[in-house]
Amino acid sequence: MDFPGNNNFVNLQVQYAIDYFDDGVAEAVLTLPDTLAARYLFLTRRMRHAGPNLGMPHTRALGDGLFEMRLKGAEGIARVLYCAVVDRRIVMLHAFVKKSQRIPPRELELARNRLKELNREKP
């Protein structure tokens, strides 16, 4: 479709980068069971285009800039806790396989501490 007086195309597709807090987080994601890893790849592909908050049941905001990616597969349930930072960057802070209904406080505290560390590093 042509717009009158405008022959230039505008790229409206926004791209987000996916980063990892450290090698340990990347390794935790890489070692997720197969169906959970497949779900992770599917959701991160969507996040690259749509941004960090895909909404339920895929993602959920936990407050103060922290989000959880909700992974469910044949091998169980996992969570990847992450944040969005300036310049269209999404940083994966922590990944773990869930064994209980709620996020264990230790796992949540680890992600919150990493988020604080990232915020301190901002210029």
PDB file of N, CA and C in Angstrom:
ATOM      1  N   MET A   1       0.831  -1.168   0.000  1.00  0.00           N
ATOM      2  CA  MET A   1       0.000   0.000   0.000  1.00  0.00           C
ATOM      3  C   MET A   1       0.879   1.235   0.000  1.00  0.00           C
ATOM      4  N   ASP A   2       0.620   2.168  -0.891  1.00  0.00           N
ATOM      5  CA  ASP A   2       1.353   3.427  -0.955  1.00  0.00           C
ATOM      6  C   ASP A   2       0.664   4.490  -0.135  1.00  0.00           C
ATOM      7  N   PHE A   3       1.487   5.288   0.537  1.00  0.00           N
ATOM      8  CA  PHE A   3       0.969   6.434   1.261  1.00  0.00           C
ATOM      9  C   PHE A   3       1.280   7.670   0.441  1.00  0.00           C
ATOM     10  N   PRO A   4       0.312   8.543   0.241  1.00  0.00           N
ATOM     11  CA  PRO A   4       0.533   9.743  -0.579  1.00  0.00           C
ATOM     12  C   PRO A   4       1.710  10.566  -0.060  1.00  0.00           C
ATOM     13  N   GLY A   5       2.588  10.937  -0.966  1.00  0.00           N
ATOM     14  CA  GLY A   5       3.707  11.797  -0.642  1.00  0.00           C
ATOM     15  C   GLY A   5       4.825  11.123   0.130  1.00  0.00           C
ATOM     16  N   ASN A   6       4.771   9.830   0.317  1.00  0.00           N
ATOM     17  CA  ASN A   6       5.818   9.159   1.076  1.00  0.00           C
ATOM     18  C   ASN A   6       6.218   7.889   0.352  1.00  0.00           C
ATOM     19  N   ASN A   7       7.381   7.897  -0.256  1.00  0.00           N
ATOM     20  CA  ASN A   7       7.878   6.719  -0.969  1.00  0.00           C
ATOM     21  C   ASN A   7       8.924   5.965  -0.159  1.00  0.00           C
ATOM     22  N   ASN A   8       9.177   6.410   1.063  1.00  0.00           N
ATOM     23  CA  ASN A   8      10.152   5.744   1.925  1.00  0.00           C
ATOM     24  C   ASN A   8       9.451   4.713   2.792  1.00  0.00           C
ATOM     25  N   PHE A   9      10.114   3.605   3.019  1.00  0.00           N
ATOM     26  CA  PHE A   9       9.587   2.586   3.914  1.00  0.00           C
ATOM     27  C   PHE A   9      10.139   2.826   5.308  1.00  0.00           C
ATOM     28  N   VAL A  10       9.322   2.643   6.300  1.00  0.00           N
ATOM     29  CA  VAL A  10       9.733   2.801   7.685  1.00  0.00           C
ATOM     30  C   VAL A  10       9.704   1.427   8.338  1.00  0.00           C
ATOM     31  N   ASN A  11      10.803   1.066   8.968  1.00  0.00           N
ATOM     32  CA  ASN A  11      10.873  -0.203   9.666  1.00  0.00           C
ATOM     33  C   ASN A  11      10.284  -0.019  11.065  1.00  0.00           C
ATOM     34  N   LEU A  12       9.102  -0.558  11.298  1.00  0.00           N
ATOM     35  CA  LEU A  12       8.446  -0.437  12.585  1.00  0.00           C
ATOM     36  C   LEU A  12       8.781  -1.584  13.520  1.00  0.00           C
ATOM     37  N   GLN A  13       9.574  -2.526  13.050  1.00  0.00           N
ATOM     38  CA  GLN A  13       9.916  -3.695  13.853  1.00  0.00           C
ATOM     39  C   GLN A  13      11.050  -3.346  14.819  1.00  0.00           C
ATOM     40  N   VAL A  14      10.767  -3.415  16.102  1.00  0.00           N
ATOM     41  CA  VAL A  14      11.746  -3.100  17.128  1.00  0.00           C
ATOM     42  C   VAL A  14      12.441  -4.392  17.534  1.00  0.00           C
ATOM     43  N   GLN A  15      13.738  -4.336  17.644  1.00  0.00           N
ATOM     44  CA  GLN A  15      14.498  -5.515  18.032  1.00  0.00           C
ATOM     45  C   GLN A  15      15.090  -5.313  19.431  1.00  0.00           C
ATOM     46  N   TYR A  16      14.962  -6.324  20.278  1.00  0.00           N
ATOM     47  CA  TYR A  16      15.565  -6.335  21.601  1.00  0.00           C
ATOM     48  C   TYR A  16      16.708  -7.334  21.590  1.00  0.00           C
ATOM     49  N   ALA A  17      17.748  -7.042  22.341  1.00  0.00           N
ATOM     50  CA  ALA A  17      18.868  -7.971  22.499  1.00  0.00           C
ATOM     51  C   ALA A  17      18.623  -8.801  23.756  1.00  0.00           C
ATOM     52  N   ILE A  18      19.008 -10.060  23.706  1.00  0.00           N
ATOM     53  CA  ILE A  18      18.923 -10.947  24.868  1.00  0.00           C
ATOM     54  C   ILE A  18      20.345 -11.169  25.373  1.00  0.00           C
ATOM     55  N   ASP A  19      20.598 -10.797  26.630  1.00  0.00           N
ATOM     56  CA  ASP A  19      21.911 -10.971  27.252  1.00  0.00           C
ATOM     57  C   ASP A  19      21.758 -11.814  28.512  1.00  0.00           C
ATOM     58  N   TYR A  20      22.893 -12.238  29.055  1.00  0.00           N
ATOM     59  CA  TYR A  20      22.910 -13.047  30.274  1.00  0.00           C
ATOM     60  C   TYR A  20      23.756 -12.348  31.320  1.00  0.00           C
ATOM     61  N   PHE A  21      23.310 -12.402  32.574  1.00  0.00           N
ATOM     62  CA  PHE A  21      24.027 -11.758  33.662  1.00  0.00           C
ATOM     63  C   PHE A  21      25.472 -12.245  33.724  1.00  0.00           C
ATOM     64  N   ASP A  22      25.658 -13.552  33.568  1.00  0.00           N
ATOM     65  CA  ASP A  22      27.003 -14.131  33.545  1.00  0.00           C
ATOM     66  C   ASP A  22      26.948 -15.489  32.851  1.00  0.00           C
ATOM     67  N   ASP A  23      28.103 -16.126  32.731  1.00  0.00           N
ATOM     68  CA  ASP A  23      28.177 -17.433  32.062  1.00  0.00           C
ATOM     69  C   ASP A  23      27.376 -18.498  32.795  1.00  0.00           C
ATOM     70  N   GLY A  24      27.266 -18.377  34.115  1.00  0.00           N
ATOM     71  CA  GLY A  24      26.503 -19.351  34.896  1.00  0.00           C
ATOM     72  C   GLY A  24      25.030 -19.350  34.520  1.00  0.00           C
ATOM     73  N   VAL A  25      24.472 -18.182  34.252  1.00  0.00           N
ATOM     74  CA  VAL A  25      23.062 -18.092  33.842  1.00  0.00           C
ATOM     75  C   VAL A  25      22.894 -18.694  32.452  1.00  0.00           C
ATOM     76  N   ALA A  26      23.811 -18.368  31.549  1.00  0.00           N
ATOM     77  CA  ALA A  26      23.752 -18.943  30.198  1.00  0.00           C
ATOM     78  C   ALA A  26      23.841 -20.464  30.267  1.00  0.00           C
ATOM     79  N   GLU A  27      24.709 -20.983  31.128  1.00  0.00           N
ATOM     80  CA  GLU A  27      24.862 -22.433  31.294  1.00  0.00           C
ATOM     81  C   GLU A  27      23.589 -23.055  31.865  1.00  0.00           C
ATOM     82  N   ALA A  28      22.960 -22.378  32.837  1.00  0.00           N
ATOM     83  CA  ALA A  28      21.713 -22.894  33.420  1.00  0.00           C
ATOM     84  C   ALA A  28      20.622 -22.992  32.369  1.00  0.00           C
ATOM     85  N   VAL A  29      20.569 -22.022  31.464  1.00  0.00           N
ATOM     86  CA  VAL A  29      19.575 -22.053  30.386  1.00  0.00           C
ATOM     87  C   VAL A  29      19.903 -23.183  29.410  1.00  0.00           C
ATOM     88  N   LEU A  30      21.182 -23.322  29.071  1.00  0.00           N
ATOM     89  CA  LEU A  30      21.600 -24.361  28.125  1.00  0.00           C
ATOM     90  C   LEU A  30      21.340 -25.768  28.651  1.00  0.00           C
ATOM     91  N   THR A  31      21.321 -25.941  29.963  1.00  0.00           N
ATOM     92  CA  THR A  31      21.144 -27.276  30.532  1.00  0.00           C
ATOM     93  C   THR A  31      19.698 -27.562  30.949  1.00  0.00           C
ATOM     94  N   LEU A  32      18.770 -26.679  30.588  1.00  0.00           N
ATOM     95  CA  LEU A  32      17.357 -26.976  30.856  1.00  0.00           C
ATOM     96  C   LEU A  32      16.950 -28.235  30.098  1.00  0.00           C
ATOM     97  N   PRO A  33      16.051 -29.028  30.641  1.00  0.00           N
ATOM     98  CA  PRO A  33      15.543 -30.190  29.895  1.00  0.00           C
ATOM     99  C   PRO A  33      14.977 -29.760  28.537  1.00  0.00           C
ATOM    100  N   ASP A  34      14.956 -30.688  27.582  1.00  0.00           N
ATOM    101  CA  ASP A  34      14.659 -30.379  26.183  1.00  0.00           C
ATOM    102  C   ASP A  34      13.388 -29.563  25.943  1.00  0.00           C
ATOM    103  N   THR A  35      12.252 -29.985  26.489  1.00  0.00           N
ATOM    104  CA  THR A  35      11.009 -29.260  26.187  1.00  0.00           C
ATOM    105  C   THR A  35      11.002 -27.876  26.840  1.00  0.00           C
ATOM    106  N   LEU A  36      11.670 -27.739  27.976  1.00  0.00           N
ATOM    107  CA  LEU A  36      11.760 -26.429  28.619  1.00  0.00           C
ATOM    108  C   LEU A  36      12.699 -25.514  27.838  1.00  0.00           C
ATOM    109  N   ALA A  37      13.789 -26.062  27.341  1.00  0.00           N
ATOM    110  CA  ALA A  37      14.718 -25.279  26.522  1.00  0.00           C
ATOM    111  C   ALA A  37      14.047 -24.836  25.221  1.00  0.00           C
ATOM    112  N   ALA A  38      13.247 -25.702  24.621  1.00  0.00           N
ATOM    113  CA  ALA A  38      12.527 -25.348  23.396  1.00  0.00           C
ATOM    114  C   ALA A  38      11.551 -24.206  23.658  1.00  0.00           C
ATOM    115  N   ARG A  39      10.868 -24.270  24.792  1.00  0.00           N
ATOM    116  CA  ARG A  39       9.927 -23.214  25.160  1.00  0.00           C
ATOM    117  C   ARG A  39      10.672 -21.900  25.397  1.00  0.00           C
ATOM    118  N   TYR A  40      11.840 -21.983  26.032  1.00  0.00           N
ATOM    119  CA  TYR A  40      12.676 -20.803  26.267  1.00  0.00           C
ATOM    120  C   TYR A  40      13.051 -20.146  24.930  1.00  0.00           C
ATOM    121  N   LEU A  41      13.496 -20.953  23.984  1.00  0.00           N
ATOM    122  CA  LEU A  41      13.880 -20.411  22.679  1.00  0.00           C
ATOM    123  C   LEU A  41      12.701 -19.765  21.970  1.00  0.00           C
ATOM    124  N   PHE A  42      11.539 -20.387  22.043  1.00  0.00           N
ATOM    125  CA  PHE A  42      10.333 -19.831  21.425  1.00  0.00           C
ATOM    126  C   PHE A  42       9.994 -18.471  22.043  1.00  0.00           C
ATOM    127  N   LEU A  43      10.008 -18.391  23.372  1.00  0.00           N
ATOM    128  CA  LEU A  43       9.634 -17.145  24.033  1.00  0.00           C
ATOM    129  C   LEU A  43      10.674 -16.042  23.841  1.00  0.00           C
ATOM    130  N   THR A  44      11.960 -16.381  23.864  1.00  0.00           N
ATOM    131  CA  THR A  44      12.966 -15.338  23.642  1.00  0.00           C
ATOM    132  C   THR A  44      12.899 -14.808  22.222  1.00  0.00           C
ATOM    133  N   ARG A  45      12.553 -15.651  21.265  1.00  0.00           N
ATOM    134  CA  ARG A  45      12.370 -15.175  19.895  1.00  0.00           C
ATOM    135  C   ARG A  45      11.234 -14.149  19.844  1.00  0.00           C
ATOM    136  N   ARG A  46      10.139 -14.423  20.545  1.00  0.00           N
ATOM    137  CA  ARG A  46       9.024 -13.471  20.605  1.00  0.00           C
ATOM    138  C   ARG A  46       9.424 -12.192  21.329  1.00  0.00           C
ATOM    139  N   MET A  47      10.208 -12.336  22.396  1.00  0.00           N
ATOM    140  CA  MET A  47      10.626 -11.170  23.174  1.00  0.00           C
ATOM    141  C   MET A  47      11.528 -10.241  22.367  1.00  0.00           C
ATOM    142  N   ARG A  48      12.326 -10.794  21.471  1.00  0.00           N
ATOM    143  CA  ARG A  48      13.194  -9.959  20.635  1.00  0.00           C
ATOM    144  C   ARG A  48      12.374  -8.952  19.828  1.00  0.00           C
ATOM    145  N   HIS A  49      11.170  -9.335  19.472  1.00  0.00           N
ATOM    146  CA  HIS A  49      10.323  -8.459  18.660  1.00  0.00           C
ATOM    147  C   HIS A  49       9.282  -7.703  19.482  1.00  0.00           C
ATOM    148  N   ALA A  50       8.710  -8.340  20.491  1.00  0.00           N
ATOM    149  CA  ALA A  50       7.601  -7.747  21.235  1.00  0.00           C
ATOM    150  C   ALA A  50       8.029  -7.073  22.532  1.00  0.00           C
ATOM    151  N   GLY A  51       9.239  -7.323  22.999  1.00  0.00           N
ATOM    152  CA  GLY A  51       9.690  -6.737  24.248  1.00  0.00           C
ATOM    153  C   GLY A  51       9.599  -7.701  25.408  1.00  0.00           C
ATOM    154  N   PRO A  52       9.961  -7.235  26.597  1.00  0.00           N
ATOM    155  CA  PRO A  52      10.113  -8.123  27.741  1.00  0.00           C
ATOM    156  C   PRO A  52       8.823  -8.652  28.348  1.00  0.00           C
ATOM    157  N   ASN A  53       7.707  -7.973  28.167  1.00  0.00           N
ATOM    158  CA  ASN A  53       6.480  -8.397  28.831  1.00  0.00           C
ATOM    159  C   ASN A  53       5.501  -8.992  27.830  1.00  0.00           C
ATOM    160  N   LEU A  54       5.504 -10.312  27.708  1.00  0.00           N
ATOM    161  CA  LEU A  54       4.586 -10.995  26.792  1.00  0.00           C
ATOM    162  C   LEU A  54       3.231 -11.232  27.437  1.00  0.00           C
ATOM    163  N   GLY A  55       3.137 -11.037  28.734  1.00  0.00           N
ATOM    164  CA  GLY A  55       1.884 -11.251  29.453  1.00  0.00           C
ATOM    165  C   GLY A  55       1.685 -12.721  29.805  1.00  0.00           C
ATOM    166  N   MET A  56       0.683 -12.939  30.647  1.00  0.00           N
ATOM    167  CA  MET A  56       0.367 -14.307  31.086  1.00  0.00           C
ATOM    168  C   MET A  56      -0.184 -15.109  29.911  1.00  0.00           C
ATOM    169  N   PRO A  57       0.100 -16.358  29.799  1.00  0.00           N
ATOM    170  CA  PRO A  57       0.816 -17.220  30.744  1.00  0.00           C
ATOM    171  C   PRO A  57       2.313 -17.302  30.481  1.00  0.00           C
ATOM    172  N   HIS A  58       2.833 -16.486  29.557  1.00  0.00           N
ATOM    173  CA  HIS A  58       4.238 -16.600  29.146  1.00  0.00           C
ATOM    174  C   HIS A  58       5.201 -15.894  30.098  1.00  0.00           C
ATOM    175  N   THR A  59       4.858 -14.662  30.460  1.00  0.00           N
ATOM    176  CA  THR A  59       5.708 -13.889  31.363  1.00  0.00           C
ATOM    177  C   THR A  59       4.831 -13.190  32.394  1.00  0.00           C
ATOM    178  N   ARG A  60       5.471 -12.797  33.494  1.00  0.00           N
ATOM    179  CA  ARG A  60       4.738 -12.079  34.529  1.00  0.00           C
ATOM    180  C   ARG A  60       5.690 -11.101  35.201  1.00  0.00           C
ATOM    181  N   ALA A  61       5.226  -9.879  35.413  1.00  0.00           N
ATOM    182  CA  ALA A  61       6.012  -8.886  36.135  1.00  0.00           C
ATOM    183  C   ALA A  61       5.989  -9.214  37.626  1.00  0.00           C
ATOM    184  N   LEU A  62       7.167  -9.172  38.261  1.00  0.00           N
ATOM    185  CA  LEU A  62       7.281  -9.452  39.686  1.00  0.00           C
ATOM    186  C   LEU A  62       7.474  -8.180  40.499  1.00  0.00           C
ATOM    187  N   GLY A  63       7.570  -7.039  39.830  1.00  0.00           N
ATOM    188  CA  GLY A  63       7.756  -5.763  40.514  1.00  0.00           C
ATOM    189  C   GLY A  63       9.190  -5.285  40.491  1.00  0.00           C
ATOM    190  N   ASP A  64       9.343  -3.973  40.576  1.00  0.00           N
ATOM    191  CA  ASP A  64      10.662  -3.328  40.615  1.00  0.00           C
ATOM    192  C   ASP A  64      11.538  -3.682  39.415  1.00  0.00           C
ATOM    193  N   GLY A  65      10.934  -3.911  38.256  1.00  0.00           N
ATOM    194  CA  GLY A  65      11.692  -4.185  37.036  1.00  0.00           C
ATOM    195  C   GLY A  65      12.065  -5.638  36.821  1.00  0.00           C
ATOM    196  N   LEU A  66      11.619  -6.512  37.705  1.00  0.00           N
ATOM    197  CA  LEU A  66      11.931  -7.936  37.588  1.00  0.00           C
ATOM    198  C   LEU A  66      10.751  -8.675  36.967  1.00  0.00           C
ATOM    199  N   PHE A  67      11.051  -9.591  36.046  1.00  0.00           N
ATOM    200  CA  PHE A  67      10.044 -10.396  35.366  1.00  0.00           C
ATOM    201  C   PHE A  67      10.395 -11.869  35.517  1.00  0.00           C
ATOM    202  N   GLU A  68       9.379 -12.727  35.329  1.00  0.00           N
ATOM    203  CA  GLU A  68       9.645 -14.161  35.250  1.00  0.00           C
ATOM    204  C   GLU A  68       9.132 -14.677  33.916  1.00  0.00           C
ATOM    205  N   MET A  69       9.949 -15.516  33.272  1.00  0.00           N
ATOM    206  CA  MET A  69       9.534 -16.246  32.088  1.00  0.00           C
ATOM    207  C   MET A  69       9.055 -17.597  32.602  1.00  0.00           C
ATOM    208  N   ARG A  70       7.835 -17.957  32.226  1.00  0.00           N
ATOM    209  CA  ARG A  70       7.195 -19.159  32.759  1.00  0.00           C
ATOM    210  C   ARG A  70       7.308 -20.286  31.727  1.00  0.00           C
ATOM    211  N   LEU A  71       8.105 -21.278  32.042  1.00  0.00           N
ATOM    212  CA  LEU A  71       8.347 -22.393  31.124  1.00  0.00           C
ATOM    213  C   LEU A  71       7.678 -23.645  31.661  1.00  0.00           C
ATOM    214  N   LYS A  72       6.946 -24.308  30.792  1.00  0.00           N
ATOM    215  CA  LYS A  72       6.281 -25.550  31.166  1.00  0.00           C
ATOM    216  C   LYS A  72       6.496 -26.551  30.033  1.00  0.00           C
ATOM    217  N   GLY A  73       6.858 -27.779  30.386  1.00  0.00           N
ATOM    218  CA  GLY A  73       7.092 -28.806  29.384  1.00  0.00           C
ATOM    219  C   GLY A  73       6.904 -30.184  29.974  1.00  0.00           C
ATOM    220  N   ALA A  74       7.185 -31.193  29.174  1.00  0.00           N
ATOM    221  CA  ALA A  74       6.995 -32.581  29.606  1.00  0.00           C
ATOM    222  C   ALA A  74       7.847 -32.915  30.830  1.00  0.00           C
ATOM    223  N   GLU A  75       9.007 -32.252  30.959  1.00  0.00           N
ATOM    224  CA  GLU A  75       9.912 -32.549  32.076  1.00  0.00           C
ATOM    225  C   GLU A  75       9.585 -31.761  33.341  1.00  0.00           C
ATOM    226  N   GLY A  76       8.618 -30.869  33.284  1.00  0.00           N
ATOM    227  CA  GLY A  76       8.277 -30.098  34.481  1.00  0.00           C
ATOM    228  C   GLY A  76       8.107 -28.623  34.198  1.00  0.00           C
ATOM    229  N   ILE A  77       8.471 -27.825  35.192  1.00  0.00           N
ATOM    230  CA  ILE A  77       8.295 -26.374  35.132  1.00  0.00           C
ATOM    231  C   ILE A  77       9.620 -25.710  35.480  1.00  0.00           C
ATOM    232  N   ALA A  78       9.944 -24.644  34.759  1.00  0.00           N
ATOM    233  CA  ALA A  78      11.148 -23.868  35.064  1.00  0.00           C
ATOM    234  C   ALA A  78      10.797 -22.392  35.002  1.00  0.00           C
ATOM    235  N   ARG A  79      11.643 -21.597  35.583  1.00  0.00           N
ATOM    236  CA  ARG A  79      11.496 -20.154  35.533  1.00  0.00           C
ATOM    237  C   ARG A  79      12.834 -19.540  35.157  1.00  0.00           C
ATOM    238  N   VAL A  80      12.762 -18.488  34.360  1.00  0.00           N
ATOM    239  CA  VAL A  80      13.928 -17.668  34.076  1.00  0.00           C
ATOM    240  C   VAL A  80      13.550 -16.269  34.529  1.00  0.00           C
ATOM    241  N   LEU A  81      14.297 -15.734  35.481  1.00  0.00           N
ATOM    242  CA  LEU A  81      14.037 -14.402  36.000  1.00  0.00           C
ATOM    243  C   LEU A  81      14.925 -13.426  35.245  1.00  0.00           C
ATOM    244  N   TYR A  82      14.337 -12.301  34.823  1.00  0.00           N
ATOM    245  CA  TYR A  82      15.062 -11.371  33.963  1.00  0.00           C
ATOM    246  C   TYR A  82      14.595  -9.947  34.195  1.00  0.00           C
ATOM    247  N   CYS A  83      15.308  -9.005  33.581  1.00  0.00           N
ATOM    248  CA  CYS A  83      14.927  -7.601  33.634  1.00  0.00           C
ATOM    249  C   CYS A  83      15.147  -6.988  32.259  1.00  0.00           C
ATOM    250  N   ALA A  84      14.552  -5.832  32.058  1.00  0.00           N
ATOM    251  CA  ALA A  84      14.763  -5.072  30.829  1.00  0.00           C
ATOM    252  C   ALA A  84      15.566  -3.833  31.199  1.00  0.00           C
ATOM    253  N   VAL A  85      16.582  -3.549  30.429  1.00  0.00           N
ATOM    254  CA  VAL A  85      17.383  -2.359  30.683  1.00  0.00           C
ATOM    255  C   VAL A  85      17.330  -1.446  29.471  1.00  0.00           C
ATOM    256  N   VAL A  86      17.886  -0.270  29.639  1.00  0.00           N
ATOM    257  CA  VAL A  86      17.863   0.728  28.583  1.00  0.00           C
ATOM    258  C   VAL A  86      18.492   0.169  27.312  1.00  0.00           C
ATOM    259  N   ASP A  87      18.190   0.796  26.203  1.00  0.00           N
ATOM    260  CA  ASP A  87      18.742   0.401  24.895  1.00  0.00           C
ATOM    261  C   ASP A  87      18.223  -0.950  24.425  1.00  0.00           C
ATOM    262  N   ARG A  88      16.969  -1.255  24.765  1.00  0.00           N
ATOM    263  CA  ARG A  88      16.297  -2.456  24.269  1.00  0.00           C
ATOM    264  C   ARG A  88      17.093  -3.738  24.566  1.00  0.00           C
ATOM    265  N   ARG A  89      17.542  -3.858  25.799  1.00  0.00           N
ATOM    266  CA  ARG A  89      18.278  -5.038  26.264  1.00  0.00           C
ATOM    267  C   ARG A  89      17.455  -5.771  27.298  1.00  0.00           C
ATOM    268  N   ILE A  90      17.382  -7.078  27.172  1.00  0.00           N
ATOM    269  CA  ILE A  90      16.744  -7.935  28.159  1.00  0.00           C
ATOM    270  C   ILE A  90      17.853  -8.805  28.742  1.00  0.00           C
ATOM    271  N   VAL A  91      17.998  -8.761  30.064  1.00  0.00           N
ATOM    272  CA  VAL A  91      19.091  -9.497  30.714  1.00  0.00           C
ATOM    273  C   VAL A  91      18.504 -10.630  31.551  1.00  0.00           C
ATOM    274  N   MET A  92      18.888 -11.840  31.220  1.00  0.00           N
ATOM    275  CA  MET A  92      18.490 -13.017  31.978  1.00  0.00           C
ATOM    276  C   MET A  92      19.355 -13.076  33.238  1.00  0.00           C
ATOM    277  N   LEU A  93      18.707 -13.053  34.401  1.00  0.00           N
ATOM    278  CA  LEU A  93      19.417 -12.966  35.670  1.00  0.00           C
ATOM    279  C   LEU A  93      19.604 -14.311  36.362  1.00  0.00           C
ATOM    280  N   HIS A  94      18.636 -15.223  36.173  1.00  0.00           N
ATOM    281  CA  HIS A  94      18.692 -16.493  36.903  1.00  0.00           C
ATOM    282  C   HIS A  94      17.724 -17.486  36.252  1.00  0.00           C
ATOM    283  N   ALA A  95      18.107 -18.749  36.189  1.00  0.00           N
ATOM    284  CA  ALA A  95      17.244 -19.801  35.635  1.00  0.00           C
ATOM    285  C   ALA A  95      17.273 -20.999  36.574  1.00  0.00           C
ATOM    286  N   PHE A  96      16.113 -21.620  36.765  1.00  0.00           N
ATOM    287  CA  PHE A  96      16.035 -22.783  37.647  1.00  0.00           C
ATOM    288  C   PHE A  96      14.790 -23.602  37.320  1.00  0.00           C
ATOM    289  N   VAL A  97      14.845 -24.875  37.669  1.00  0.00           N
ATOM    290  CA  VAL A  97      13.694 -25.771  37.529  1.00  0.00           C
ATOM    291  C   VAL A  97      12.915 -25.678  38.827  1.00  0.00           C
ATOM    292  N   LYS A  98      11.614 -25.454  38.709  1.00  0.00           N
ATOM    293  CA  LYS A  98      10.761 -25.303  39.893  1.00  0.00           C
ATOM    294  C   LYS A  98      10.336 -26.654  40.438  1.00  0.00           C
ATOM    295  N   LYS A  99      10.293 -26.722  41.757  1.00  0.00           N
ATOM    296  CA  LYS A  99       9.845 -27.951  42.414  1.00  0.00           C
ATOM    297  C   LYS A  99       8.657 -27.692  43.334  1.00  0.00           C
ATOM    298  N   SER A 100       8.274 -26.416  43.469  1.00  0.00           N
ATOM    299  CA  SER A 100       7.138 -26.063  44.325  1.00  0.00           C
ATOM    300  C   SER A 100       6.255 -25.044  43.604  1.00  0.00           C
ATOM    301  N   GLN A 101       5.108 -24.763  44.178  1.00  0.00           N
ATOM    302  CA  GLN A 101       4.146 -23.857  43.561  1.00  0.00           C
ATOM    303  C   GLN A 101       4.695 -22.436  43.465  1.00  0.00           C
ATOM    304  N   ARG A 102       5.294 -21.956  44.518  1.00  0.00           N
ATOM    305  CA  ARG A 102       5.813 -20.587  44.571  1.00  0.00           C
ATOM    306  C   ARG A 102       7.290 -20.559  44.184  1.00  0.00           C
ATOM    307  N   ILE A 103       7.745 -19.368  43.782  1.00  0.00           N
ATOM    308  CA  ILE A 103       9.173 -19.198  43.532  1.00  0.00           C
ATOM    309  C   ILE A 103       9.875 -19.244  44.888  1.00  0.00           C
ATOM    310  N   PRO A 104      10.851 -20.137  45.053  1.00  0.00           N
ATOM    311  CA  PRO A 104      11.564 -20.197  46.330  1.00  0.00           C
ATOM    312  C   PRO A 104      12.216 -18.847  46.650  1.00  0.00           C
ATOM    313  N   PRO A 105      12.106 -18.383  47.894  1.00  0.00           N
ATOM    314  CA  PRO A 105      12.657 -17.080  48.272  1.00  0.00           C
ATOM    315  C   PRO A 105      14.141 -16.927  47.923  1.00  0.00           C
ATOM    316  N   ARG A 106      14.913 -17.998  48.064  1.00  0.00           N
ATOM    317  CA  ARG A 106      16.346 -17.949  47.749  1.00  0.00           C
ATOM    318  C   ARG A 106      16.590 -17.610  46.283  1.00  0.00           C
ATOM    319  N   GLU A 107      15.777 -18.199  45.390  1.00  0.00           N
ATOM    320  CA  GLU A 107      15.916 -17.962  43.947  1.00  0.00           C
ATOM    321  C   GLU A 107      15.541 -16.513  43.617  1.00  0.00           C
ATOM    322  N   LEU A 108      14.467 -16.032  44.223  1.00  0.00           N
ATOM    323  CA  LEU A 108      14.003 -14.667  43.996  1.00  0.00           C
ATOM    324  C   LEU A 108      15.020 -13.655  44.521  1.00  0.00           C
ATOM    325  N   GLU A 109      15.565 -13.915  45.685  1.00  0.00           N
ATOM    326  CA  GLU A 109      16.556 -13.012  46.282  1.00  0.00           C
ATOM    327  C   GLU A 109      17.810 -12.926  45.422  1.00  0.00           C
ATOM    328  N   LEU A 110      18.256 -14.056  44.864  1.00  0.00           N
ATOM    329  CA  LEU A 110      19.418 -14.064  43.983  1.00  0.00           C
ATOM    330  C   LEU A 110      19.179 -13.169  42.778  1.00  0.00           C
ATOM    331  N   ALA A 111      18.017 -13.292  42.140  1.00  0.00           N
ATOM    332  CA  ALA A 111      17.701 -12.466  40.972  1.00  0.00           C
ATOM    333  C   ALA A 111      17.606 -10.991  41.358  1.00  0.00           C
ATOM    334  N   ARG A 112      16.994 -10.678  42.489  1.00  0.00           N
ATOM    335  CA  ARG A 112      16.879  -9.280  42.943  1.00  0.00           C
ATOM    336  C   ARG A 112      18.262  -8.673  43.217  1.00  0.00           C
ATOM    337  N   ASN A 113      19.153  -9.449  43.807  1.00  0.00           N
ATOM    338  CA  ASN A 113      20.516  -8.958  44.052  1.00  0.00           C
ATOM    339  C   ASN A 113      21.251  -8.693  42.745  1.00  0.00           C
ATOM    340  N   ARG A 114      21.068  -9.545  41.770  1.00  0.00           N
ATOM    341  CA  ARG A 114      21.712  -9.344  40.469  1.00  0.00           C
ATOM    342  C   ARG A 114      21.135  -8.119  39.768  1.00  0.00           C
ATOM    343  N   LEU A 115      19.834  -7.909  39.916  1.00  0.00           N
ATOM    344  CA  LEU A 115      19.197  -6.714  39.346  1.00  0.00           C
ATOM    345  C   LEU A 115      19.780  -5.459  39.994  1.00  0.00           C
ATOM    346  N   LYS A 116      19.953  -5.464  41.303  1.00  0.00           N
ATOM    347  CA  LYS A 116      20.553  -4.326  42.000  1.00  0.00           C
ATOM    348  C   LYS A 116      21.968  -4.080  41.504  1.00  0.00           C
ATOM    349  N   GLU A 117      22.720  -5.165  41.304  1.00  0.00           N
ATOM    350  CA  GLU A 117      24.084  -5.042  40.800  1.00  0.00           C
ATOM    351  C   GLU A 117      24.094  -4.408  39.404  1.00  0.00           C
ATOM    352  N   LEU A 118      23.193  -4.835  38.547  1.00  0.00           N
ATOM    353  CA  LEU A 118      23.098  -4.229  37.215  1.00  0.00           C
ATOM    354  C   LEU A 118      22.760  -2.750  37.304  1.00  0.00           C
ATOM    355  N   ASN A 119      21.850  -2.391  38.182  1.00  0.00           N
ATOM    356  CA  ASN A 119      21.451  -0.991  38.332  1.00  0.00           C
ATOM    357  C   ASN A 119      22.590  -0.135  38.838  1.00  0.00           C
ATOM    358  N   ARG A 120      23.459  -0.687  39.680  1.00  0.00           N
ATOM    359  CA  ARG A 120      24.626   0.048  40.174  1.00  0.00           C
ATOM    360  C   ARG A 120      25.631   0.294  39.054  1.00  0.00           C
ATOM    361  N   GLU A 121      25.677  -0.594  38.051  1.00  0.00           N
ATOM    362  CA  GLU A 121      26.643  -0.479  36.962  1.00  0.00           C
ATOM    363  C   GLU A 121      26.242   0.540  35.913  1.00  0.00           C
ATOM    364  N   LYS A 122      24.988   0.995  35.937  1.00  0.00           N
ATOM    365  CA  LYS A 122      24.528   1.961  34.928  1.00  0.00           C
ATOM    366  C   LYS A 122      25.353   3.244  35.013  1.00  0.00           C
ATOM    367  N   PRO A 123      25.684   3.816  33.852  1.00  0.00           N
ATOM    368  CA  PRO A 123      26.478   5.057  33.853  1.00  0.00           C
ATOM    369  C   PRO A 123      25.667   6.222  34.379  1.00  0.00           C
TER     370      PRO A 123
END
